[in-house]
Amino acid sequence: MEAAATTRPLTWRRSAVIVLIVMAVGTLLAWWEPIWLSPPHFATTDYLYMIPALLWIPVLMYFGFRHPVGWRWIPVLLMLVGFVPILFALGLGFRAALLSTIEPTCVEQSLADGQTLYTCRISLLADSAIDFTFEGSKGALFVRLWSLQPAMTQAASP
């Protein structure tokens, strides 16, 4: 005789654990930003990192449509906790919108190991700029961010 397989009903508690894992991993990945699009299109990288930061929303909707049993306050709590990655994603979108309107000035430098070092400067205001330094293969779609720092500019003489 074959034993009947027992399936546990989907609960909000198990759904919340999965949603929180997706939320945490997506937010950490978007915060870390391990790879960037290669110059001169690197400013649009933040739009791509908005996807993992907000991926928990369709996961929550999927579980909500499956009508889990249990406490109904858990999805409300998840939405409240979810304001952190939502605000983070909005910040990424704002930074991408700001940086993508400015044309970067990029310089390529070949390294000894066959890699290419990209140094890109974005001038935000008259006397301020940001230097992005990337490392990657020549012609590759993705590069690694090496440093991000304010650029040293000459002060205006009186």
Protein backbone atom coordinates (compact mmCIF):
# COMPACT_ATOMS: atom_id res chain seq x y z
CA MET A 1 0.00 0.00 0.00
CA GLU A 2 1.09 3.47 -0.74
CA ALA A 3 1.08 6.04 2.05
CA ALA A 4 -0.80 9.21 1.30
CA ALA A 5 1.49 12.19 0.98
CA THR A 6 0.67 14.84 3.50
CA THR A 7 1.07 18.37 2.35
CA ARG A 8 1.32 21.11 4.86
CA PRO A 9 -0.86 24.11 4.12
CA LEU A 10 0.92 27.30 3.15
CA THR A 11 1.12 29.63 6.12
CA TRP A 12 1.93 33.31 6.36
CA ARG A 13 4.83 32.48 8.64
CA ARG A 14 6.61 30.35 6.00
CA SER A 15 5.70 32.87 3.30
CA ALA A 16 7.12 35.70 5.40
CA VAL A 17 10.43 33.89 5.86
CA ILE A 18 10.79 33.45 2.09
CA VAL A 19 9.81 37.06 1.39
CA LEU A 20 12.25 38.35 4.03
CA ILE A 21 15.08 36.27 2.55
CA VAL A 22 14.36 37.62 -0.95
CA MET A 23 14.10 41.14 0.49
CA ALA A 24 17.40 40.89 2.37
CA VAL A 25 19.38 39.29 -0.47
CA GLY A 26 18.02 41.74 -3.05
CA THR A 27 18.72 44.78 -0.89
CA LEU A 28 22.24 43.60 -0.04
CA LEU A 29 22.99 42.93 -3.70
CA ALA A 30 21.73 46.38 -4.68
CA TRP A 31 23.72 48.00 -1.87
CA TRP A 32 26.92 46.10 -2.69
CA GLU A 33 26.71 46.67 -6.50
CA PRO A 34 29.43 44.12 -7.38
CA ILE A 35 29.42 44.71 -11.13
CA TRP A 36 28.63 47.75 -13.26
CA LEU A 37 27.90 48.33 -16.91
CA SER A 38 31.03 49.34 -18.76
CA PRO A 39 31.70 53.01 -19.50
CA PRO A 40 30.22 55.23 -20.82
CA HIS A 41 26.89 53.53 -19.90
CA PHE A 42 27.77 52.88 -16.26
CA ALA A 43 25.29 55.46 -14.94
CA THR A 44 22.35 53.23 -15.90
CA THR A 45 23.64 50.39 -13.69
CA ASP A 46 21.48 51.64 -10.81
CA TYR A 47 18.35 50.99 -12.85
CA LEU A 48 19.39 47.32 -13.08
CA TYR A 49 20.01 47.10 -9.32
CA MET A 50 16.53 48.41 -8.62
CA ILE A 51 15.19 45.05 -9.84
CA PRO A 52 16.66 42.87 -7.05
CA ALA A 53 15.85 45.56 -4.46
CA LEU A 54 12.16 45.36 -5.41
CA LEU A 55 11.91 41.65 -6.30
CA TRP A 56 10.29 40.87 -2.95
CA ILE A 57 7.08 42.68 -4.02
CA PRO A 58 6.03 40.15 -6.72
CA VAL A 59 7.08 37.31 -4.38
CA LEU A 60 4.78 38.72 -1.68
CA MET A 61 1.98 39.08 -4.23
CA TYR A 62 2.47 35.47 -5.36
CA PHE A 63 2.08 34.20 -1.80
CA GLY A 64 -0.84 36.56 -1.17
CA PHE A 65 -2.74 35.16 -4.17
CA ARG A 66 -2.23 31.63 -2.83
CA HIS A 67 -4.23 32.58 0.31
CA PRO A 68 -1.97 31.30 3.07
CA VAL A 69 -3.46 30.50 6.43
CA GLY A 70 -2.41 32.15 9.62
CA TRP A 71 -2.07 35.62 10.99
CA ARG A 72 -3.21 38.33 8.60
CA TRP A 73 -1.00 40.99 10.19
CA ILE A 74 2.16 39.41 8.72
CA PRO A 75 1.73 40.88 5.20
CA VAL A 76 1.14 44.29 6.76
CA LEU A 77 4.35 43.89 8.74
CA LEU A 78 6.18 42.81 5.58
CA MET A 79 5.00 45.94 3.77
CA LEU A 80 6.18 48.11 6.66
CA VAL A 81 9.60 46.42 6.68
CA GLY A 82 9.60 46.68 2.88
CA PHE A 83 9.69 50.48 3.03
CA VAL A 84 13.46 50.24 3.61
CA PRO A 85 14.25 48.52 0.27
CA ILE A 86 11.62 50.66 -1.48
CA LEU A 87 13.29 53.86 -0.28
CA PHE A 88 16.69 52.42 -1.19
CA ALA A 89 15.45 51.59 -4.71
CA LEU A 90 14.03 55.10 -5.07
CA GLY A 91 17.44 56.48 -4.10
CA LEU A 92 19.08 54.28 -6.75
CA GLY A 93 16.60 55.53 -9.32
CA PHE A 94 17.23 59.14 -8.37
CA ARG A 95 21.01 58.67 -8.60
CA ALA A 96 20.67 56.92 -11.97
CA ALA A 97 18.43 59.66 -13.31
CA LEU A 98 20.87 62.33 -12.15
CA LEU A 99 24.01 60.62 -13.45
CA SER A 100 22.52 59.56 -16.77
CA THR A 101 21.78 63.19 -17.71
CA ILE A 102 25.48 64.10 -17.49
CA GLU A 103 27.92 62.90 -20.14
CA PRO A 104 30.97 61.35 -18.46
CA THR A 105 34.54 62.00 -19.56
CA CYS A 106 36.26 58.61 -19.65
CA VAL A 107 39.91 57.69 -20.11
CA GLU A 108 41.07 54.11 -20.80
CA GLN A 109 44.40 52.76 -19.60
CA SER A 110 45.70 49.28 -20.44
CA LEU A 111 47.07 47.26 -17.54
CA ALA A 112 49.83 44.64 -17.67
CA ASP A 113 47.48 41.67 -17.18
CA GLY A 114 45.36 42.51 -20.24
CA GLN A 115 42.70 44.34 -18.25
CA THR A 116 41.59 47.89 -18.91
CA LEU A 117 41.34 50.60 -16.28
CA TYR A 118 38.57 53.12 -16.96
CA THR A 119 38.63 56.47 -15.18
CA CYS A 120 35.44 58.44 -15.70
CA ARG A 121 34.67 61.91 -14.38
CA ILE A 122 31.19 63.32 -13.99
CA SER A 123 31.00 67.04 -13.28
CA LEU A 124 27.98 67.77 -11.15
CA LEU A 125 28.44 71.49 -10.54
CA ALA A 126 30.97 74.07 -11.69
CA ASP A 127 33.63 73.18 -9.10
CA SER A 128 32.69 69.63 -8.13
CA ALA A 129 33.09 66.30 -9.84
CA ILE A 130 33.09 62.59 -9.05
CA ASP A 131 35.72 60.15 -10.35
CA PHE A 132 34.63 56.58 -11.04
CA THR A 133 37.43 54.06 -11.59
CA PHE A 134 36.52 50.71 -13.14
CA GLU A 135 38.51 47.62 -14.07
CA GLY A 136 37.50 45.10 -16.69
CA SER A 137 38.29 43.40 -19.95
CA LYS A 138 38.47 45.50 -23.09
CA GLY A 139 35.06 45.58 -24.75
CA ALA A 140 33.31 43.68 -21.93
CA LEU A 141 29.71 44.52 -21.05
CA PHE A 142 30.37 44.50 -17.28
CA VAL A 143 33.22 45.95 -15.21
CA ARG A 144 34.14 46.07 -11.52
CA LEU A 145 34.04 49.33 -9.60
CA TRP A 146 37.50 50.00 -8.23
CA SER A 147 36.97 53.37 -6.56
CA LEU A 148 34.48 56.17 -6.29
CA GLN A 149 35.74 59.46 -4.92
CA PRO A 150 35.31 63.21 -5.23
CA ALA A 151 37.57 64.62 -7.91
CA MET A 152 40.26 67.11 -7.07
CA THR A 153 39.42 70.27 -8.98
CA GLN A 154 41.23 73.57 -9.16
CA ALA A 155 39.69 76.28 -7.00
CA ALA A 156 38.68 79.42 -8.81
CA SER A 157 41.20 82.21 -8.33
CA PRO A 158 39.89 85.57 -7.03
